Amino acid sequence: MILFDVYAGKETPYYYVGEGNMTAYIRLGNESVPADNVAFKRLVLQGTNRSYDSLVSNYKFLNMAFDL
């Protein structure tokens, strides 16, 4: 068994490349699991120092309507 530490960086996600596959992993508890689509997008945004809340909407506020 080989054990190594990967230190946090600023350009996430990190990939494991092996057997012709390129897979991004996340930690859940004490294990690494492949990142699903939502986690992957979160990692990409984190790597660019952004979050879902900071993204600009494609919809204009003037085109929205709210009813009670």
PDB file of N, CA and C in Angstrom:
ATOM      1  N   MET A   1       0.841  -1.169   0.000  1.00  0.00           N
ATOM      2  CA  MET A   1       0.000   0.000   0.000  1.00  0.00           C
ATOM      3  C   MET A   1       0.889   1.236   0.000  1.00  0.00           C
ATOM      4  N   ILE A   2       0.492   2.222  -0.799  1.00  0.00           N
ATOM      5  CA  ILE A   2       1.194   3.496  -0.839  1.00  0.00           C
ATOM      6  C   ILE A   2       0.286   4.547  -0.236  1.00  0.00           C
ATOM      7  N   LEU A   3       0.823   5.332   0.672  1.00  0.00           N
ATOM      8  CA  LEU A   3       0.057   6.386   1.330  1.00  0.00           C
ATOM      9  C   LEU A   3       0.747   7.708   1.074  1.00  0.00           C
ATOM     10  N   PHE A   4       0.001   8.703   0.615  1.00  0.00           N
ATOM     11  CA  PHE A   4       0.586  10.016   0.387  1.00  0.00           C
ATOM     12  C   PHE A   4      -0.418  11.089   0.737  1.00  0.00           C
ATOM     13  N   ASP A   5       0.082  12.262   1.050  1.00  0.00           N
ATOM     14  CA  ASP A   5      -0.748  13.416   1.394  1.00  0.00           C
ATOM     15  C   ASP A   5      -0.832  14.348   0.198  1.00  0.00           C
ATOM     16  N   VAL A   6      -2.030  14.857  -0.067  1.00  0.00           N
ATOM     17  CA  VAL A   6      -2.235  15.872  -1.095  1.00  0.00           C
ATOM     18  C   VAL A   6      -2.700  17.121  -0.376  1.00  0.00           C
ATOM     19  N   TYR A   7      -1.917  18.162  -0.462  1.00  0.00           N
ATOM     20  CA  TYR A   7      -2.249  19.402   0.218  1.00  0.00           C
ATOM     21  C   TYR A   7      -3.228  20.223  -0.614  1.00  0.00           C
ATOM     22  N   ALA A   8      -4.075  20.966   0.063  1.00  0.00           N
ATOM     23  CA  ALA A   8      -5.080  21.783  -0.615  1.00  0.00           C
ATOM     24  C   ALA A   8      -4.404  22.852  -1.455  1.00  0.00           C
ATOM     25  N   GLY A   9      -4.944  23.073  -2.622  1.00  0.00           N
ATOM     26  CA  GLY A   9      -4.445  24.106  -3.514  1.00  0.00           C
ATOM     27  C   GLY A   9      -5.577  25.009  -3.938  1.00  0.00           C
ATOM     28  N   LYS A  10      -5.314  25.870  -4.896  1.00  0.00           N
ATOM     29  CA  LYS A  10      -6.315  26.840  -5.316  1.00  0.00           C
ATOM     30  C   LYS A  10      -7.012  26.457  -6.602  1.00  0.00           C
ATOM     31  N   GLU A  11      -6.579  25.420  -7.282  1.00  0.00           N
ATOM     32  CA  GLU A  11      -7.150  25.076  -8.577  1.00  0.00           C
ATOM     33  C   GLU A  11      -7.818  23.706  -8.540  1.00  0.00           C
ATOM     34  N   THR A  12      -8.942  23.631  -7.853  1.00  0.00           N
ATOM     35  CA  THR A  12      -9.693  22.377  -7.776  1.00  0.00           C
ATOM     36  C   THR A  12     -10.574  22.255  -9.005  1.00  0.00           C
ATOM     37  N   PRO A  13     -11.003  21.097  -9.397  1.00  0.00           N
ATOM     38  CA  PRO A  13     -10.809  19.811  -8.733  1.00  0.00           C
ATOM     39  C   PRO A  13      -9.481  19.156  -9.120  1.00  0.00           C
ATOM     40  N   TYR A  14      -9.093  18.191  -8.304  1.00  0.00           N
ATOM     41  CA  TYR A  14      -7.929  17.363  -8.576  1.00  0.00           C
ATOM     42  C   TYR A  14      -8.429  16.057  -9.155  1.00  0.00           C
ATOM     43  N   TYR A  15      -7.672  15.479 -10.043  1.00  0.00           N
ATOM     44  CA  TYR A  15      -8.102  14.256 -10.714  1.00  0.00           C
ATOM     45  C   TYR A  15      -7.148  13.112 -10.440  1.00  0.00           C
ATOM     46  N   TYR A  16      -7.708  11.918 -10.414  1.00  0.00           N
ATOM     47  CA  TYR A  16      -6.926  10.693 -10.464  1.00  0.00           C
ATOM     48  C   TYR A  16      -7.030  10.195 -11.896  1.00  0.00           C
ATOM     49  N   VAL A  17      -5.902   9.960 -12.508  1.00  0.00           N
ATOM     50  CA  VAL A  17      -5.884   9.477 -13.884  1.00  0.00           C
ATOM     51  C   VAL A  17      -5.296   8.074 -13.866  1.00  0.00           C
ATOM     52  N   GLY A  18      -6.102   7.127 -14.278  1.00  0.00           N
ATOM     53  CA  GLY A  18      -5.632   5.751 -14.318  1.00  0.00           C
ATOM     54  C   GLY A  18      -6.560   4.889 -15.136  1.00  0.00           C
ATOM     55  N   GLU A  19      -5.981   3.907 -15.798  1.00  0.00           N
ATOM     56  CA  GLU A  19      -6.749   2.953 -16.599  1.00  0.00           C
ATOM     57  C   GLU A  19      -7.629   3.650 -17.627  1.00  0.00           C
ATOM     58  N   GLY A  20      -7.139   4.762 -18.185  1.00  0.00           N
ATOM     59  CA  GLY A  20      -7.890   5.468 -19.211  1.00  0.00           C
ATOM     60  C   GLY A  20      -8.996   6.360 -18.686  1.00  0.00           C
ATOM     61  N   ASN A  21      -9.135   6.493 -17.378  1.00  0.00           N
ATOM     62  CA  ASN A  21     -10.179   7.322 -16.779  1.00  0.00           C
ATOM     63  C   ASN A  21      -9.569   8.512 -16.057  1.00  0.00           C
ATOM     64  N   MET A  22     -10.290   9.626 -16.053  1.00  0.00           N
ATOM     65  CA  MET A  22      -9.903  10.810 -15.300  1.00  0.00           C
ATOM     66  C   MET A  22     -11.057  11.105 -14.353  1.00  0.00           C
ATOM     67  N   THR A  23     -10.864  10.887 -13.061  1.00  0.00           N
ATOM     68  CA  THR A  23     -11.942  10.969 -12.086  1.00  0.00           C
ATOM     69  C   THR A  23     -11.598  11.952 -10.978  1.00  0.00           C
ATOM     70  N   ALA A  24     -12.540  12.820 -10.626  1.00  0.00           N
ATOM     71  CA  ALA A  24     -12.391  13.724  -9.487  1.00  0.00           C
ATOM     72  C   ALA A  24     -13.024  13.047  -8.276  1.00  0.00           C
ATOM     73  N   TYR A  25     -12.346  13.129  -7.140  1.00  0.00           N
ATOM     74  CA  TYR A  25     -12.838  12.504  -5.907  1.00  0.00           C
ATOM     75  C   TYR A  25     -13.088  13.557  -4.841  1.00  0.00           C
ATOM     76  N   ILE A  26     -14.009  13.248  -3.933  1.00  0.00           N
ATOM     77  CA  ILE A  26     -14.254  14.068  -2.749  1.00  0.00           C
ATOM     78  C   ILE A  26     -14.145  13.158  -1.532  1.00  0.00           C
ATOM     79  N   ARG A  27     -13.943  13.759  -0.368  1.00  0.00           N
ATOM     80  CA  ARG A  27     -13.871  12.996   0.870  1.00  0.00           C
ATOM     81  C   ARG A  27     -15.245  12.959   1.530  1.00  0.00           C
ATOM     82  N   LEU A  28     -15.675  11.775   1.915  1.00  0.00           N
ATOM     83  CA  LEU A  28     -16.888  11.586   2.718  1.00  0.00           C
ATOM     84  C   LEU A  28     -16.466  10.784   3.931  1.00  0.00           C
ATOM     85  N   GLY A  29     -16.379  11.471   5.065  1.00  0.00           N
ATOM     86  CA  GLY A  29     -15.908  10.783   6.264  1.00  0.00           C
ATOM     87  C   GLY A  29     -14.449  10.391   6.097  1.00  0.00           C
ATOM     88  N   ASN A  30     -14.181   9.089   6.175  1.00  0.00           N
ATOM     89  CA  ASN A  30     -12.804   8.626   6.062  1.00  0.00           C
ATOM     90  C   ASN A  30     -12.520   7.925   4.738  1.00  0.00           C
ATOM     91  N   GLU A  31     -13.348   8.188   3.720  1.00  0.00           N
ATOM     92  CA  GLU A  31     -13.110   7.553   2.430  1.00  0.00           C
ATOM     93  C   GLU A  31     -13.238   8.556   1.283  1.00  0.00           C
ATOM     94  N   SER A  32     -12.611   8.232   0.179  1.00  0.00           N
ATOM     95  CA  SER A  32     -12.698   9.038  -1.040  1.00  0.00           C
ATOM     96  C   SER A  32     -13.682   8.387  -1.982  1.00  0.00           C
ATOM     97  N   VAL A  33     -14.605   9.177  -2.500  1.00  0.00           N
ATOM     98  CA  VAL A  33     -15.607   8.669  -3.440  1.00  0.00           C
ATOM     99  C   VAL A  33     -15.605   9.566  -4.670  1.00  0.00           C
ATOM    100  N   PRO A  34     -15.958   9.021  -5.836  1.00  0.00           N
ATOM    101  CA  PRO A  34     -16.031   9.856  -7.030  1.00  0.00           C
ATOM    102  C   PRO A  34     -17.045  10.990  -6.835  1.00  0.00           C
ATOM    103  N   ALA A  35     -16.684  12.180  -7.300  1.00  0.00           N
ATOM    104  CA  ALA A  35     -17.558  13.344  -7.169  1.00  0.00           C
ATOM    105  C   ALA A  35     -18.731  13.223  -8.134  1.00  0.00           C
ATOM    106  N   ASP A  36     -19.950  13.465  -7.627  1.00  0.00           N
ATOM    107  CA  ASP A  36     -21.106  13.502  -8.515  1.00  0.00           C
ATOM    108  C   ASP A  36     -21.117  14.862  -9.222  1.00  0.00           C
ATOM    109  N   ASN A  37     -22.098  15.092 -10.082  1.00  0.00           N
ATOM    110  CA  ASN A  37     -22.136  16.321 -10.885  1.00  0.00           C
ATOM    111  C   ASN A  37     -22.189  17.586 -10.029  1.00  0.00           C
ATOM    112  N   VAL A  38     -22.989  17.579  -8.971  1.00  0.00           N
ATOM    113  CA  VAL A  38     -23.117  18.764  -8.114  1.00  0.00           C
ATOM    114  C   VAL A  38     -21.808  19.040  -7.390  1.00  0.00           C
ATOM    115  N   ALA A  39     -21.203  18.005  -6.827  1.00  0.00           N
ATOM    116  CA  ALA A  39     -19.932  18.172  -6.121  1.00  0.00           C
ATOM    117  C   ALA A  39     -18.835  18.629  -7.079  1.00  0.00           C
ATOM    118  N   PHE A  40     -18.847  18.086  -8.297  1.00  0.00           N
ATOM    119  CA  PHE A  40     -17.847  18.477  -9.289  1.00  0.00           C
ATOM    120  C   PHE A  40     -17.966  19.960  -9.632  1.00  0.00           C
ATOM    121  N   LYS A  41     -19.194  20.428  -9.856  1.00  0.00           N
ATOM    122  CA  LYS A  41     -19.396  21.850 -10.168  1.00  0.00           C
ATOM    123  C   LYS A  41     -18.969  22.727  -8.998  1.00  0.00           C
ATOM    124  N   ARG A  42     -19.241  22.278  -7.770  1.00  0.00           N
ATOM    125  CA  ARG A  42     -18.827  23.020  -6.583  1.00  0.00           C
ATOM    126  C   ARG A  42     -17.301  23.123  -6.526  1.00  0.00           C
ATOM    127  N   LEU A  43     -16.599  22.037  -6.866  1.00  0.00           N
ATOM    128  CA  LEU A  43     -15.135  22.050  -6.881  1.00  0.00           C
ATOM    129  C   LEU A  43     -14.591  23.005  -7.935  1.00  0.00           C
ATOM    130  N   VAL A  44     -15.226  23.028  -9.106  1.00  0.00           N
ATOM    131  CA  VAL A  44     -14.786  23.934 -10.170  1.00  0.00           C
ATOM    132  C   VAL A  44     -14.960  25.386  -9.716  1.00  0.00           C
ATOM    133  N   LEU A  45     -16.114  25.706  -9.130  1.00  0.00           N
ATOM    134  CA  LEU A  45     -16.345  27.063  -8.640  1.00  0.00           C
ATOM    135  C   LEU A  45     -15.362  27.419  -7.533  1.00  0.00           C
ATOM    136  N   GLN A  46     -15.089  26.476  -6.630  1.00  0.00           N
ATOM    137  CA  GLN A  46     -14.152  26.704  -5.538  1.00  0.00           C
ATOM    138  C   GLN A  46     -12.760  27.014  -6.098  1.00  0.00           C
ATOM    139  N   GLY A  47     -12.381  26.348  -7.172  1.00  0.00           N
ATOM    140  CA  GLY A  47     -11.084  26.575  -7.788  1.00  0.00           C
ATOM    141  C   GLY A  47     -10.956  27.943  -8.428  1.00  0.00           C
ATOM    142  N   THR A  48     -12.078  28.584  -8.719  1.00  0.00           N
ATOM    143  CA  THR A  48     -12.062  29.934  -9.282  1.00  0.00           C
ATOM    144  C   THR A  48     -12.495  30.967  -8.247  1.00  0.00           C
ATOM    145  N   ASN A  49     -12.518  30.553  -6.981  1.00  0.00           N
ATOM    146  CA  ASN A  49     -12.862  31.430  -5.850  1.00  0.00           C
ATOM    147  C   ASN A  49     -14.255  32.035  -5.994  1.00  0.00           C
ATOM    148  N   ARG A  50     -15.214  31.193  -6.423  1.00  0.00           N
ATOM    149  CA  ARG A  50     -16.608  31.617  -6.558  1.00  0.00           C
ATOM    150  C   ARG A  50     -17.509  30.598  -5.875  1.00  0.00           C
ATOM    151  N   SER A  51     -18.800  30.931  -5.777  1.00  0.00           N
ATOM    152  CA  SER A  51     -19.799  30.005  -5.238  1.00  0.00           C
ATOM    153  C   SER A  51     -21.064  30.135  -6.087  1.00  0.00           C
ATOM    154  N   TYR A  52     -22.021  29.237  -5.871  1.00  0.00           N
ATOM    155  CA  TYR A  52     -23.290  29.320  -6.606  1.00  0.00           C
ATOM    156  C   TYR A  52     -23.965  30.661  -6.363  1.00  0.00           C
ATOM    157  N   ASP A  53     -23.876  31.160  -5.131  1.00  0.00           N
ATOM    158  CA  ASP A  53     -24.530  32.423  -4.784  1.00  0.00           C
ATOM    159  C   ASP A  53     -23.927  33.616  -5.510  1.00  0.00           C
ATOM    160  N   SER A  54     -22.685  33.516  -5.957  1.00  0.00           N
ATOM    161  CA  SER A  54     -22.032  34.643  -6.610  1.00  0.00           C
ATOM    162  C   SER A  54     -22.235  34.656  -8.121  1.00  0.00           C
ATOM    163  N   LEU A  55     -22.847  33.620  -8.676  1.00  0.00           N
ATOM    164  CA  LEU A  55     -23.039  33.553 -10.123  1.00  0.00           C
ATOM    165  C   LEU A  55     -24.120  34.515 -10.577  1.00  0.00           C
ATOM    166  N   VAL A  56     -23.918  35.109 -11.726  1.00  0.00           N
ATOM    167  CA  VAL A  56     -24.887  36.046 -12.301  1.00  0.00           C
ATOM    168  C   VAL A  56     -25.957  35.242 -13.030  1.00  0.00           C
ATOM    169  N   SER A  57     -27.208  35.599 -12.819  1.00  0.00           N
ATOM    170  CA  SER A  57     -28.328  34.916 -13.451  1.00  0.00           C
ATOM    171  C   SER A  57     -28.464  35.326 -14.914  1.00  0.00           C
ATOM    172  N   ASN A  58     -28.963  34.413 -15.726  1.00  0.00           N
ATOM    173  CA  ASN A  58     -29.258  34.730 -17.121  1.00  0.00           C
ATOM    174  C   ASN A  58     -30.606  35.424 -17.274  1.00  0.00           C
ATOM    175  N   TYR A  59     -31.381  35.486 -16.196  1.00  0.00           N
ATOM    176  CA  TYR A  59     -32.713  36.081 -16.229  1.00  0.00           C
ATOM    177  C   TYR A  59     -32.673  37.518 -15.734  1.00  0.00           C
ATOM    178  N   LYS A  60     -33.427  38.372 -16.376  1.00  0.00           N
ATOM    179  CA  LYS A  60     -33.505  39.771 -15.963  1.00  0.00           C
ATOM    180  C   LYS A  60     -34.625  39.942 -14.941  1.00  0.00           C
ATOM    181  N   PHE A  61     -34.349  40.730 -13.920  1.00  0.00           N
ATOM    182  CA  PHE A  61     -35.309  40.958 -12.847  1.00  0.00           C
ATOM    183  C   PHE A  61     -36.602  41.557 -13.380  1.00  0.00           C
ATOM    184  N   LEU A  62     -36.513  42.409 -14.380  1.00  0.00           N
ATOM    185  CA  LEU A  62     -37.705  43.066 -14.934  1.00  0.00           C
ATOM    186  C   LEU A  62     -38.657  42.068 -15.603  1.00  0.00           C
ATOM    187  N   ASN A  63     -38.176  40.922 -16.006  1.00  0.00           N
ATOM    188  CA  ASN A  63     -39.015  39.909 -16.665  1.00  0.00           C
ATOM    189  C   ASN A  63     -39.657  38.954 -15.666  1.00  0.00           C
ATOM    190  N   MET A  64     -39.448  39.153 -14.388  1.00  0.00           N
ATOM    191  CA  MET A  64     -40.003  38.255 -13.377  1.00  0.00           C
ATOM    192  C   MET A  64     -41.280  38.844 -12.792  1.00  0.00           C
ATOM    193  N   ALA A  65     -42.176  37.963 -12.355  1.00  0.00           N
ATOM    194  CA  ALA A  65     -43.407  38.390 -11.709  1.00  0.00           C
ATOM    195  C   ALA A  65     -43.611  37.536 -10.458  1.00  0.00           C
ATOM    196  N   PHE A  66     -44.091  38.166  -9.430  1.00  0.00           N
ATOM    197  CA  PHE A  66     -44.328  37.460  -8.177  1.00  0.00           C
ATOM    198  C   PHE A  66     -45.771  37.663  -7.750  1.00  0.00           C
ATOM    199  N   ASP A  67     -46.443  36.592  -7.383  1.00  0.00           N
ATOM    200  CA  ASP A  67     -47.838  36.653  -6.944  1.00  0.00           C
ATOM    201  C   ASP A  67     -47.922  36.065  -5.546  1.00  0.00           C
ATOM    202  N   LEU A  68     -48.879  36.582  -4.787  1.00  0.00           N
ATOM    203  CA  LEU A  68     -49.171  36.019  -3.463  1.00  0.00           C
ATOM    204  C   LEU A  68     -50.415  35.200  -3.501  1.00  0.00           C
TER     205      LEU A  68
END
